[in-house]
Amino acid sequence: MADPDLSSPLIHHQSSIDQPEVVISIGVDDDDSSSSTDSGLNLPSAVGVVPRGFQFDHCNNPYGFLSETEPPVLGPTTVDPFRNNTPGVFGLYEAIKIVICLPIALVRLVLFGASLAVGYLATKLALAGWKDKENPMPLWRCRIMWITRICTRCILFSFGYQWIRRKGKPARREIAPIVVSNHVSYIEPIFYFYELSPTIVASESHDSLPFVGTIIRAMQVIYVNRFSQTSRKNAVHEIKRKASCDRFPRLLLFPEGTTTNGKVLISFQLGAFIPGYPIQPVVVRYPHVHFDQSWGNISLVMLMFRMFTQFHNFMEVEYLPVIYPSEKQKQNAVRLSQKTSHAIAASLNVVQTSHSYADLMLLNKATELKLENPSNYMVEMAKVESLFHISSLEATRFLDTFVSMNPDSSGRVRLHDFLWGLRLKPCTLSKRIFEFIDVEKVGSITFKQFLFASGHVLTQPLFQQTCELVFSHCDRDGDGYITIQELGDALKNTIPNLNKAEIQGMYNLLDDDQDERISQNDLLTCLRRNPLLIAIFVPDFAPT
């Protein structure tokens, strides 16, 4: 058996004398710590801050007109929290075991189908004629749902979880109305439905899933669209409302927002912590040797097949002590989430990172684009969102721009390809822009460095005003549009010897709506997507 039995923790509780910077994010309610706004920056991480590869040259900073400050620099992301370590069948032992278990798998498949069908019918019966879904489910309907709960235990049995090891006990609902857990596989929601029958918070897309959508509706699910601020606010309101009423079931949330491989703990979303109620953390482990049960870079069908063809799948559930927030933590969801995530990470004996669901989006995007080593394009988006307020959709657009620069197999881009991607030509200024990003001074840049440099420029207080001034400077005749002649005149002092084809290429890039004329909105939109280009429009700071 592997890592879960190790006794030496990777994360230790620190005293306030030795490590005050760690304690303030875990359990001490000093006023100074209330300024923290990031859910993961003050926590132990697999990736730390590293020094620059050179002394930052403020004199040659191409963005000195915006700010003399240098962009933050972090080390490369060295872990992939979404990687399943056994996506295929490896080794003679596994192959023989699958062959032996095939007859067993057929029986398990029949049990799975029968249990799902009976549970679905029982749920349909429990929901029949029920209109008032804003209030708790009536008791007689809840008793019918016990049939579904028993069916879910049969489903777990069919997946090879004949027994499940438990440690600790769930707290009573009136003591801890909210339960949070790490999320590794689709197995946990099934287990928790059988064990606790909670109300869950789930993506709106789950409602359309066959069979599953009906069952989670019976759990009085709180739906949320992670890309809609209004939806997130409504979900938090519903969490508060249902957590405050003992007649509702306890609430279950997976604050990581997606499944991981369980080797690290990624950043927490704050929905479970904003209400300020006592929380019981729960830890789920899947000890294994030959078969990683995490739902990562493996299809659902393959994962189910592998589960069906195991003699037994191990699962451990540990209920941790209830976390009672202090008065200050009730007012600061970030600090309560940090305290909870530290408790879970310490129990799992893993480190915490600033990855989030947005990193999974970048990973999937890189996979979709058929890039080599897609994990090279994860950037720990929780940290990026905290520093630069760049959303996941904006980050994917930056990835599209970076991919247009033709990165190599290691995910790095050299000067020539960088300039081609931004329609620039080699000159002193364009080289300074590249050196601004190339903090390691190795002649190539990563997507993380590109994103951090772009975000740094984009979030400078003078960026918007400078963009507006740039448009006014380029629009010489004041007609509200920049012509190709005006663009060429504006760029001649910063990028010398531009030919017509090069000016046309830049013009096409800036013409966001492709109507063959550049409006102020076109320019602002393009510079928000390519903020590094702002330097080529400011002749006062360009070399002469």
Protein backbone atom coordinates (compact mmCIF):
# COMPACT_ATOMS: atom_id res chain seq x y z
CA MET A 1 0.00 0.00 0.00
CA ALA A 2 1.39 3.32 -0.83
CA ASP A 3 1.48 6.92 0.30
CA PRO A 4 -1.64 7.07 2.54
CA ASP A 5 0.13 4.99 5.19
CA LEU A 6 3.18 7.24 5.43
CA SER A 7 3.47 8.69 8.89
CA SER A 8 5.79 11.64 8.32
CA PRO A 9 3.73 14.65 7.20
CA LEU A 10 4.93 16.97 4.51
CA ILE A 11 3.09 19.89 6.13
CA HIS A 12 3.71 20.73 9.78
CA HIS A 13 1.84 23.11 12.02
CA GLN A 14 4.12 26.06 12.67
CA SER A 15 4.33 28.10 15.81
CA SER A 16 3.55 31.81 15.63
CA ILE A 17 7.09 32.56 16.78
CA ASP A 18 8.87 30.61 14.07
CA GLN A 19 6.67 31.11 11.01
CA PRO A 20 4.15 33.95 11.42
CA GLU A 21 3.65 34.18 7.69
CA VAL A 22 2.20 30.65 7.66
CA VAL A 23 0.22 30.88 10.87
CA ILE A 24 -1.77 33.92 9.78
CA SER A 25 -3.19 31.93 6.91
CA ILE A 26 -4.15 28.96 9.04
CA GLY A 27 -5.36 29.71 12.49
CA VAL A 28 -4.34 33.08 13.94
CA ASP A 29 -6.77 35.98 13.68
CA ASP A 30 -4.29 38.84 13.59
CA ASP A 31 -5.64 41.94 11.88
CA ASP A 32 -2.67 42.07 9.54
CA SER A 33 -3.69 38.84 7.89
CA SER A 34 -7.05 40.20 6.83
CA SER A 35 -5.48 41.87 3.85
CA SER A 36 -4.95 38.53 2.15
CA THR A 37 -7.12 38.15 -0.92
CA ASP A 38 -5.76 35.00 -2.52
CA SER A 39 -7.00 31.60 -1.50
CA GLY A 40 -3.67 29.89 -1.95
CA LEU A 41 -0.75 32.32 -1.99
CA ASN A 42 0.13 32.10 1.69
CA LEU A 43 0.05 28.33 1.81
CA PRO A 44 2.84 25.81 1.29
CA SER A 45 3.07 25.13 -2.42
CA ALA A 46 4.81 22.80 -4.79
CA VAL A 47 5.97 25.84 -6.73
CA GLY A 48 7.68 28.81 -5.12
CA VAL A 49 8.92 32.24 -6.03
CA VAL A 50 12.32 32.21 -7.66
CA PRO A 51 14.74 35.05 -8.35
CA ARG A 52 15.09 36.51 -11.81
CA GLY A 53 17.87 35.24 -14.04
CA PHE A 54 19.20 38.79 -14.31
CA GLN A 55 19.10 42.17 -12.60
CA PHE A 56 15.94 43.87 -13.84
CA ASP A 57 16.96 46.73 -16.14
CA HIS A 58 14.63 49.64 -15.49
CA CYS A 59 16.35 51.80 -18.11
CA ASN A 60 15.57 49.29 -20.87
CA ASN A 61 12.08 48.51 -19.61
CA PRO A 62 9.87 48.98 -22.71
CA TYR A 63 6.89 49.58 -20.42
CA GLY A 64 8.50 52.17 -18.19
CA PHE A 65 5.89 54.69 -19.34
CA LEU A 66 3.29 52.60 -17.49
CA SER A 67 5.25 51.61 -14.40
CA GLU A 68 8.80 51.08 -13.25
CA THR A 69 7.78 47.95 -11.34
CA GLU A 70 8.83 44.58 -12.65
CA PRO A 71 6.35 41.75 -13.23
CA PRO A 72 6.24 39.02 -10.57
CA VAL A 73 8.34 36.00 -11.41
CA LEU A 74 7.51 32.44 -10.36
CA GLY A 75 9.19 29.15 -10.95
CA PRO A 76 7.85 26.71 -13.54
CA THR A 77 4.83 24.58 -12.75
CA THR A 78 6.32 21.19 -11.96
CA VAL A 79 3.24 19.14 -11.09
CA ASP A 80 0.20 18.03 -13.05
CA PRO A 81 -2.67 17.60 -10.58
CA PHE A 82 -4.97 16.17 -13.27
CA ARG A 83 -2.79 13.34 -14.57
CA ASN A 84 -4.01 9.79 -14.08
CA ASN A 85 -0.86 7.69 -13.61
CA THR A 86 -2.33 4.53 -15.16
CA PRO A 87 -4.43 5.69 -18.14
CA GLY A 88 -3.85 2.36 -19.90
CA VAL A 89 -3.19 -1.28 -19.08
CA PHE A 90 0.48 -1.77 -18.26
CA GLY A 91 2.23 -4.97 -17.28
CA LEU A 92 1.52 -8.67 -17.48
CA TYR A 93 -0.14 -8.77 -14.05
CA GLU A 94 -2.80 -6.22 -15.02
CA ALA A 95 -3.46 -7.93 -18.35
CA ILE A 96 -3.93 -11.35 -16.70
CA LYS A 97 -6.10 -9.86 -13.97
CA ILE A 98 -8.41 -8.20 -16.52
CA VAL A 99 -8.83 -11.50 -18.39
CA ILE A 100 -9.64 -13.35 -15.17
CA CYS A 101 -12.08 -10.63 -14.05
CA LEU A 102 -13.98 -10.37 -17.35
CA PRO A 103 -16.73 -12.80 -16.23
CA ILE A 104 -16.92 -10.95 -12.92
CA ALA A 105 -17.12 -7.66 -14.82
CA LEU A 106 -20.18 -8.89 -16.73
CA VAL A 107 -21.95 -9.73 -13.48
CA ARG A 108 -20.97 -6.36 -12.05
CA LEU A 109 -22.26 -4.61 -15.16
CA VAL A 110 -25.65 -6.32 -14.76
CA LEU A 111 -25.73 -5.32 -11.07
CA PHE A 112 -24.80 -1.75 -11.99
CA GLY A 113 -27.54 -1.51 -14.63
CA ALA A 114 -30.20 -3.05 -12.39
CA SER A 115 -29.28 -0.82 -9.44
CA LEU A 116 -29.30 2.28 -11.61
CA ALA A 117 -32.70 1.39 -13.10
CA VAL A 118 -34.32 0.66 -9.72
CA GLY A 119 -32.81 3.80 -8.18
CA TYR A 120 -34.02 5.89 -11.10
CA LEU A 121 -37.57 4.55 -10.85
CA ALA A 122 -37.64 5.10 -7.07
CA THR A 123 -36.42 8.68 -7.57
CA LYS A 124 -39.07 9.35 -10.23
CA LEU A 125 -41.68 8.09 -7.78
CA ALA A 126 -40.33 10.31 -5.00
CA LEU A 127 -40.41 13.37 -7.29
CA ALA A 128 -43.85 12.65 -8.82
CA GLY A 129 -46.20 15.57 -8.23
CA TRP A 130 -43.76 17.51 -6.08
CA LYS A 131 -44.04 21.19 -6.97
CA ASP A 132 -42.75 23.08 -3.93
CA LYS A 133 -39.05 22.45 -4.42
CA GLU A 134 -37.98 25.61 -2.62
CA ASN A 135 -38.79 23.90 0.68
CA PRO A 136 -37.36 20.67 2.16
CA MET A 137 -38.55 17.40 0.66
CA PRO A 138 -41.48 15.91 2.63
CA LEU A 139 -40.60 13.03 4.92
CA TRP A 140 -42.55 10.38 3.01
CA ARG A 141 -40.70 11.26 -0.19
CA CYS A 142 -37.38 11.04 1.69
CA ARG A 143 -38.29 7.54 2.80
CA ILE A 144 -38.78 6.50 -0.83
CA MET A 145 -35.33 7.96 -1.58
CA TRP A 146 -33.86 5.37 0.81
CA ILE A 147 -34.43 2.85 -1.99
CA THR A 148 -32.19 4.96 -4.21
CA ARG A 149 -29.58 5.24 -1.46
CA ILE A 150 -29.45 1.45 -1.10
CA CYS A 151 -29.13 1.18 -4.88
CA THR A 152 -26.13 3.53 -4.81
CA ARG A 153 -24.42 1.20 -2.33
CA CYS A 154 -25.02 -1.64 -4.78
CA ILE A 155 -23.49 0.53 -7.50
CA LEU A 156 -20.39 1.04 -5.35
CA PHE A 157 -20.27 -2.72 -4.82
CA SER A 158 -20.45 -3.28 -8.59
CA PHE A 159 -17.47 -0.97 -9.06
CA GLY A 160 -15.42 -3.14 -6.73
CA TYR A 161 -15.88 -1.27 -3.46
CA GLN A 162 -17.07 -4.25 -1.45
CA TRP A 163 -16.00 -2.55 1.75
CA ILE A 164 -15.00 1.03 2.46
CA ARG A 165 -12.75 1.89 5.34
CA ARG A 166 -14.00 4.79 7.48
CA LYS A 167 -12.23 6.82 10.12
CA GLY A 168 -14.09 9.24 12.36
CA LYS A 169 -17.79 9.98 12.19
CA PRO A 170 -19.89 12.57 10.42
CA ALA A 171 -20.95 15.38 12.74
CA ARG A 172 -24.64 15.99 13.30
CA ARG A 173 -26.27 18.34 10.84
CA GLU A 174 -27.04 20.96 13.48
CA ILE A 175 -23.36 21.05 14.45
CA ALA A 176 -21.80 21.20 10.97
CA PRO A 177 -24.34 22.08 8.26
CA ILE A 178 -21.65 22.16 5.56
CA VAL A 179 -19.33 19.31 4.54
CA VAL A 180 -16.37 19.84 2.20
CA SER A 181 -14.23 17.13 0.62
CA ASN A 182 -11.38 16.66 -1.77
CA HIS A 183 -12.49 15.40 -5.19
CA VAL A 184 -10.67 12.58 -6.98
CA SER A 185 -13.25 10.54 -8.86
CA TYR A 186 -16.94 10.25 -9.69
CA ILE A 187 -17.12 7.72 -6.86
CA GLU A 188 -17.24 10.30 -4.04
CA PRO A 189 -20.64 11.80 -4.97
CA ILE A 190 -22.08 8.30 -5.12
CA PHE A 191 -20.62 7.45 -1.71
CA TYR A 192 -21.77 10.67 -0.07
CA PHE A 193 -25.28 10.25 -1.42
CA TYR A 194 -25.45 6.84 0.21
CA GLU A 195 -23.72 7.92 3.41
CA LEU A 196 -25.11 11.42 4.04
CA SER A 197 -27.87 12.09 1.47
CA PRO A 198 -26.77 15.74 1.28
CA THR A 199 -27.74 18.67 -0.87
CA ILE A 200 -24.93 19.24 -3.34
CA VAL A 201 -23.68 22.16 -5.41
CA ALA A 202 -23.15 21.10 -9.02
CA SER A 203 -22.64 22.49 -12.49
CA GLU A 204 -25.78 23.25 -14.49
CA SER A 205 -24.58 20.81 -17.14
CA HIS A 206 -25.18 17.89 -14.76
CA ASP A 207 -28.94 18.40 -14.95
CA SER A 208 -29.05 17.01 -18.49
CA LEU A 209 -27.14 13.80 -17.67
CA PRO A 210 -29.26 10.66 -18.19
CA PHE A 211 -30.44 9.11 -14.89
CA VAL A 212 -27.95 11.15 -12.88
CA GLY A 213 -29.75 14.44 -13.54
CA THR A 214 -32.98 13.05 -12.08
CA ILE A 215 -31.28 11.72 -8.95
CA ILE A 216 -29.41 14.92 -8.15
CA ARG A 217 -32.62 16.93 -8.60
CA ALA A 218 -34.07 14.82 -5.81
CA MET A 219 -31.12 15.92 -3.67
CA GLN A 220 -32.39 19.52 -4.12
CA VAL A 221 -29.18 20.38 -5.90
CA ILE A 222 -27.94 23.97 -6.08
CA TYR A 223 -26.93 24.59 -9.69
CA VAL A 224 -24.18 27.02 -10.57
CA ASN A 225 -22.64 28.27 -13.80
CA ARG A 226 -19.00 28.86 -12.93
CA PHE A 227 -18.66 31.42 -15.75
CA SER A 228 -21.60 33.58 -14.61
CA GLN A 229 -21.12 35.97 -11.72
CA THR A 230 -24.88 36.22 -11.24
CA SER A 231 -25.19 32.44 -11.05
CA ARG A 232 -22.38 32.25 -8.49
CA LYS A 233 -24.03 34.91 -6.33
CA ASN A 234 -27.36 33.08 -6.47
CA ALA A 235 -25.63 29.84 -5.51
CA VAL A 236 -24.02 31.48 -2.46
CA HIS A 237 -27.43 32.84 -1.45
CA GLU A 238 -28.93 29.35 -1.71
CA ILE A 239 -26.06 27.84 0.29
CA LYS A 240 -26.70 30.37 3.08
CA ARG A 241 -30.45 29.77 3.00
CA LYS A 242 -30.26 25.99 3.13
CA ALA A 243 -27.39 25.83 5.61
CA SER A 244 -29.32 28.06 8.03
CA CYS A 245 -32.37 25.76 8.10
CA ASP A 246 -32.07 22.41 9.90
CA ARG A 247 -34.98 21.00 7.91
CA PHE A 248 -32.79 20.87 4.80
CA PRO A 249 -30.14 18.14 4.47
CA ARG A 250 -26.55 19.14 5.15
CA LEU A 251 -24.71 20.65 2.20
CA LEU A 252 -21.82 18.95 0.43
CA LEU A 253 -19.32 20.90 -1.65
CA PHE A 254 -16.14 19.97 -3.48
CA PRO A 255 -14.33 23.33 -3.21
CA GLU A 256 -11.60 22.32 -5.67
CA GLY A 257 -14.28 22.54 -8.35
CA THR A 258 -13.01 19.55 -10.33
CA THR A 259 -11.38 16.16 -9.88
CA THR A 260 -7.63 15.78 -9.34
CA ASN A 261 -5.31 12.81 -8.97
CA GLY A 262 -5.15 13.30 -5.19
CA LYS A 263 -1.38 13.90 -5.22
CA VAL A 264 -1.83 17.59 -4.40
CA LEU A 265 -4.64 19.82 -3.19
CA ILE A 266 -5.53 22.61 -5.61
CA SER A 267 -7.04 26.01 -4.77
CA PHE A 268 -10.45 26.22 -3.14
CA GLN A 269 -13.46 28.13 -4.40
CA LEU A 270 -15.04 30.22 -1.65
CA GLY A 271 -18.73 29.28 -1.95
CA ALA A 272 -18.69 26.91 1.02
CA PHE A 273 -16.95 29.42 3.27
CA ILE A 274 -18.79 32.68 2.60
CA PRO A 275 -21.77 31.78 4.88
CA GLY A 276 -19.38 31.44 7.85
CA TYR A 277 -20.95 28.28 9.29
CA PRO A 278 -19.04 25.44 10.99
CA ILE A 279 -17.57 23.08 8.43
CA GLN A 280 -16.59 19.43 8.61
CA PRO A 281 -13.73 18.54 6.24
CA VAL A 282 -13.73 15.01 4.88
CA VAL A 283 -10.76 13.32 3.23
CA VAL A 284 -11.07 10.58 0.60
CA ARG A 285 -8.14 8.38 -0.39
CA TYR A 286 -7.80 5.61 -2.97
CA PRO A 287 -4.78 3.49 -2.00
CA HIS A 288 -3.52 1.61 -5.02
CA VAL A 289 -0.53 -0.08 -6.59
CA HIS A 290 -1.52 -0.98 -10.17
CA PHE A 291 -4.65 1.07 -10.89
CA ASP A 292 -5.04 4.80 -10.30
CA GLN A 293 -8.76 5.42 -9.73
CA SER A 294 -8.60 9.20 -10.25
CA TRP A 295 -10.65 10.72 -13.04
CA GLY A 296 -7.96 12.63 -14.90
CA ASN A 297 -6.67 12.18 -18.45
CA ILE A 298 -8.71 9.01 -18.86
CA SER A 299 -12.14 8.55 -20.40
CA LEU A 300 -15.13 7.68 -18.23
CA VAL A 301 -15.72 4.44 -20.14
CA MET A 302 -12.13 3.29 -19.65
CA LEU A 303 -12.18 4.21 -15.97
CA MET A 304 -15.39 2.25 -15.42
CA PHE A 305 -13.99 -0.74 -17.33
CA ARG A 306 -10.85 -0.74 -15.19
CA MET A 307 -12.94 -0.59 -12.02
CA PHE A 308 -15.12 -3.48 -13.17
CA THR A 309 -12.03 -5.61 -13.85
CA GLN A 310 -10.35 -5.26 -10.44
CA PHE A 311 -10.67 -7.83 -7.67
CA HIS A 312 -11.25 -5.01 -5.19
CA ASN A 313 -10.87 -1.23 -5.25
CA PHE A 314 -9.68 0.35 -2.03
CA MET A 315 -11.30 3.50 -0.67
CA GLU A 316 -10.75 5.27 2.64
CA VAL A 317 -12.93 8.05 4.04
CA GLU A 318 -11.79 10.11 7.02
CA TYR A 319 -14.08 12.57 8.79
CA LEU A 320 -11.93 15.33 10.26
CA PRO A 321 -12.81 17.45 13.31
CA VAL A 322 -15.32 20.22 12.71
CA ILE A 323 -13.82 23.63 12.01
CA TYR A 324 -15.57 26.37 13.97
CA PRO A 325 -14.82 29.76 12.40
CA SER A 326 -13.88 32.63 14.66
CA GLU A 327 -15.76 35.91 14.40
CA LYS A 328 -13.07 37.30 12.12
CA GLN A 329 -13.09 34.18 9.94
CA LYS A 330 -16.86 34.49 9.57
CA GLN A 331 -16.19 37.83 7.90
CA ASN A 332 -13.28 36.53 5.82
CA ALA A 333 -14.06 33.50 3.66
CA VAL A 334 -10.49 33.39 2.35
CA ARG A 335 -9.01 32.75 5.78
CA LEU A 336 -11.63 30.12 6.60
CA SER A 337 -10.93 28.35 3.29
CA GLN A 338 -7.20 28.44 4.02
CA LYS A 339 -7.72 26.90 7.44
CA THR A 340 -9.91 24.16 5.95
CA SER A 341 -7.63 23.42 3.00
CA HIS A 342 -4.63 23.18 5.32
CA ALA A 343 -6.46 20.64 7.48
CA ILE A 344 -7.30 18.51 4.44
CA ALA A 345 -3.81 18.80 2.95
CA ALA A 346 -2.19 17.88 6.25
CA SER A 347 -4.41 14.81 6.58
CA LEU A 348 -3.68 13.77 2.99
CA ASN A 349 0.03 14.45 3.52
CA VAL A 350 0.19 16.47 0.29
CA VAL A 351 1.17 19.99 -0.66
CA GLN A 352 -1.15 22.70 -1.92
CA THR A 353 -0.89 24.44 -5.26
CA SER A 354 -2.66 27.36 -6.91
CA HIS A 355 -4.09 25.29 -9.75
CA SER A 356 -7.80 25.64 -10.44
CA TYR A 357 -10.47 24.49 -12.87
CA ALA A 358 -9.14 27.14 -15.27
CA ASP A 359 -5.87 25.17 -15.49
CA LEU A 360 -7.89 22.15 -16.57
CA MET A 361 -9.44 24.34 -19.28
CA LEU A 362 -5.96 25.31 -20.46
CA LEU A 363 -4.88 21.67 -20.36
CA ASN A 364 -7.90 20.59 -22.41
CA LYS A 365 -7.33 23.46 -24.84
CA ALA A 366 -3.70 22.44 -25.33
CA THR A 367 -4.80 18.84 -25.85
CA GLU A 368 -7.45 19.93 -28.35
CA LEU A 369 -4.80 21.89 -30.27
CA LYS A 370 -2.65 18.72 -30.27
CA LEU A 371 0.28 20.40 -28.57
CA GLU A 372 3.08 18.22 -27.27
CA ASN A 373 3.13 17.89 -23.46
CA PRO A 374 -0.11 19.81 -22.78
CA SER A 375 0.72 20.06 -19.07
CA ASN A 376 3.37 22.65 -19.97
CA TYR A 377 0.57 25.17 -20.49
CA MET A 378 -0.87 25.11 -16.97
CA VAL A 379 -0.01 28.25 -15.02
CA GLU A 380 -1.68 27.92 -11.58
CA MET A 381 -4.61 30.10 -12.55
CA ALA A 382 -5.74 30.89 -9.00
CA LYS A 383 -2.56 32.88 -8.58
CA VAL A 384 -2.97 34.51 -12.00
CA GLU A 385 -6.56 35.53 -11.24
CA SER A 386 -5.49 36.98 -7.89
CA LEU A 387 -2.56 38.97 -9.29
CA PHE A 388 -3.95 40.13 -12.63
CA HIS A 389 -7.73 39.49 -12.52
CA ILE A 390 -7.46 37.49 -15.75
CA SER A 391 -10.40 35.17 -16.22
CA SER A 392 -10.19 31.62 -17.50
CA LEU A 393 -11.67 32.65 -20.86
CA GLU A 394 -9.11 35.44 -21.23
CA ALA A 395 -6.32 33.00 -20.37
CA THR A 396 -7.45 30.63 -23.13
CA ARG A 397 -7.35 33.55 -25.59
CA PHE A 398 -3.79 34.32 -24.50
CA LEU A 399 -3.02 30.64 -25.09
CA ASP A 400 -4.35 30.93 -28.65
CA THR A 401 -1.98 33.86 -29.22
CA PHE A 402 0.94 31.93 -27.74
CA VAL A 403 0.19 28.86 -29.86
CA SER A 404 0.26 31.06 -32.98
CA MET A 405 3.97 31.59 -32.13
CA ASN A 406 4.69 27.91 -32.81
CA PRO A 407 6.00 26.65 -29.43
CA ASP A 408 8.40 23.72 -29.48
CA SER A 409 7.90 20.34 -27.80
CA SER A 410 8.91 21.78 -24.42
CA GLY A 411 6.34 24.56 -24.73
CA ARG A 412 8.86 27.34 -25.36
CA VAL A 413 8.91 30.07 -28.00
CA ARG A 414 12.03 31.73 -29.41
CA LEU A 415 12.46 35.34 -30.51
CA HIS A 416 11.83 34.79 -34.23
CA ASP A 417 8.51 32.99 -33.66
CA PHE A 418 7.47 35.48 -30.98
CA LEU A 419 7.93 38.39 -33.36
CA TRP A 420 6.08 36.56 -36.13
CA GLY A 421 3.11 35.86 -33.85
CA LEU A 422 2.73 39.55 -32.92
CA ARG A 423 3.45 40.81 -36.45
CA LEU A 424 6.64 42.52 -35.32
CA LYS A 425 9.97 42.76 -37.09
CA PRO A 426 13.40 42.48 -35.46
CA CYS A 427 14.50 45.80 -33.99
CA THR A 428 15.80 47.16 -30.71
CA LEU A 429 12.33 47.72 -29.25
CA SER A 430 10.91 44.32 -30.21
CA LYS A 431 13.95 42.62 -28.71
CA ARG A 432 13.44 44.59 -25.49
CA ILE A 433 9.84 43.41 -25.36
CA PHE A 434 11.01 39.81 -25.68
CA GLU A 435 13.69 40.31 -23.01
CA PHE A 436 11.04 41.77 -20.71
CA ILE A 437 9.27 38.38 -20.87
CA ASP A 438 12.42 36.22 -20.95
CA VAL A 439 13.17 36.55 -17.25
CA GLU A 440 15.50 33.55 -17.31
CA LYS A 441 17.63 35.05 -20.10
CA VAL A 442 17.72 31.77 -22.01
CA GLY A 443 16.49 33.04 -25.37
CA SER A 444 13.04 31.45 -25.15
CA ILE A 445 9.84 32.00 -23.19
CA THR A 446 7.12 29.81 -21.72
CA PHE A 447 3.38 30.39 -21.80
CA LYS A 448 3.44 31.14 -18.07
CA GLN A 449 6.04 33.88 -18.59
CA PHE A 450 4.08 35.27 -21.55
CA LEU A 451 0.86 35.32 -19.52
CA PHE A 452 2.48 36.91 -16.47
CA ALA A 453 4.13 39.64 -18.55
CA SER A 454 0.90 40.33 -20.45
CA GLY A 455 -1.11 40.40 -17.24
CA HIS A 456 1.39 42.73 -15.59
CA VAL A 457 1.13 45.26 -18.43
CA LEU A 458 -2.64 44.87 -18.71
CA THR A 459 -3.29 45.65 -15.03
CA GLN A 460 -1.18 48.80 -14.81
CA PRO A 461 -3.39 51.77 -13.75
CA LEU A 462 -2.34 53.83 -16.77
CA PHE A 463 -2.97 51.10 -19.37
CA GLN A 464 -6.51 52.11 -20.35
CA GLN A 465 -5.67 55.81 -20.48
CA THR A 466 -2.56 55.10 -22.56
CA CYS A 467 -4.59 53.07 -25.05
CA GLU A 468 -7.00 55.97 -25.49
CA LEU A 469 -4.12 58.40 -25.97
CA VAL A 470 -2.59 56.05 -28.53
CA PHE A 471 -5.78 56.12 -30.57
CA SER A 472 -5.93 59.91 -30.43
CA HIS A 473 -2.28 60.10 -31.50
CA CYS A 474 -2.79 57.73 -34.45
CA ASP A 475 -6.09 59.25 -35.63
CA ARG A 476 -4.46 62.34 -37.12
CA ASP A 477 -7.51 63.58 -39.04
CA GLY A 478 -9.89 63.01 -36.12
CA ASP A 479 -12.48 61.05 -38.10
CA GLY A 480 -12.72 58.29 -35.48
CA TYR A 481 -10.79 55.70 -37.48
CA ILE A 482 -7.14 54.85 -38.10
CA THR A 483 -6.19 54.41 -41.73
CA ILE A 484 -3.31 52.26 -42.89
CA GLN A 485 -1.37 55.41 -43.75
CA GLU A 486 -1.91 56.80 -40.23
CA LEU A 487 -0.81 53.50 -38.71
CA GLY A 488 2.39 53.50 -40.77
CA ASP A 489 3.17 57.07 -39.70
CA ALA A 490 2.58 56.19 -36.04
CA LEU A 491 4.91 53.18 -36.13
CA LYS A 492 7.79 54.62 -38.14
CA ASN A 493 9.52 56.06 -35.06
CA THR A 494 9.34 52.84 -33.03
CA ILE A 495 9.80 50.17 -35.70
CA PRO A 496 11.92 51.59 -38.51
CA ASN A 497 11.88 50.47 -42.13
CA LEU A 498 8.46 48.82 -42.11
CA ASN A 499 7.38 47.81 -45.59
CA LYS A 500 3.79 47.86 -46.86
CA ALA A 501 3.22 44.16 -46.23
CA GLU A 502 4.39 44.47 -42.62
CA ILE A 503 2.18 47.50 -42.00
CA GLN A 504 -0.75 45.65 -43.56
CA GLY A 505 -0.12 42.66 -41.27
CA MET A 506 -0.20 44.88 -38.18
CA TYR A 507 -3.28 46.67 -39.53
CA ASN A 508 -5.13 43.37 -39.94
CA LEU A 509 -4.19 42.37 -36.38
CA LEU A 510 -5.54 45.64 -34.94
CA ASP A 511 -8.73 45.53 -37.00
CA ASP A 512 -10.62 43.37 -34.52
CA ASP A 513 -13.93 43.20 -36.38
CA GLN A 514 -12.22 42.85 -39.79
CA ASP A 515 -14.20 45.69 -41.40
CA GLU A 516 -11.02 47.14 -42.94
CA ARG A 517 -10.90 50.15 -40.65
CA ILE A 518 -9.63 50.49 -37.08
CA SER A 519 -12.03 52.14 -34.64
CA GLN A 520 -11.17 53.02 -31.07
CA ASN A 521 -13.02 49.91 -29.91
CA ASP A 522 -10.99 47.78 -32.34
CA LEU A 523 -7.74 49.16 -30.98
CA LEU A 524 -8.72 48.82 -27.32
CA THR A 525 -9.96 45.25 -27.85
CA CYS A 526 -6.79 44.21 -29.66
CA LEU A 527 -4.51 45.79 -27.06
CA ARG A 528 -6.38 44.06 -24.27
CA ARG A 529 -5.78 40.76 -26.05
CA ASN A 530 -2.19 41.71 -26.92
CA PRO A 531 -1.19 44.20 -24.21
CA LEU A 532 2.52 43.82 -24.99
CA LEU A 533 1.94 45.72 -28.25
CA ILE A 534 1.26 48.94 -26.36
CA ALA A 535 5.02 49.63 -26.33
CA ILE A 536 5.25 50.06 -30.11
CA PHE A 537 2.86 53.04 -30.04
CA VAL A 538 4.76 55.18 -27.53
CA PRO A 539 7.62 56.87 -29.38
CA ASP A 540 8.76 58.90 -26.38
CA PHE A 541 10.05 55.72 -24.80
CA ALA A 542 11.34 54.04 -27.93
CA PRO A 543 14.97 54.03 -29.05
CA THR A 544 16.02 56.71 -31.51
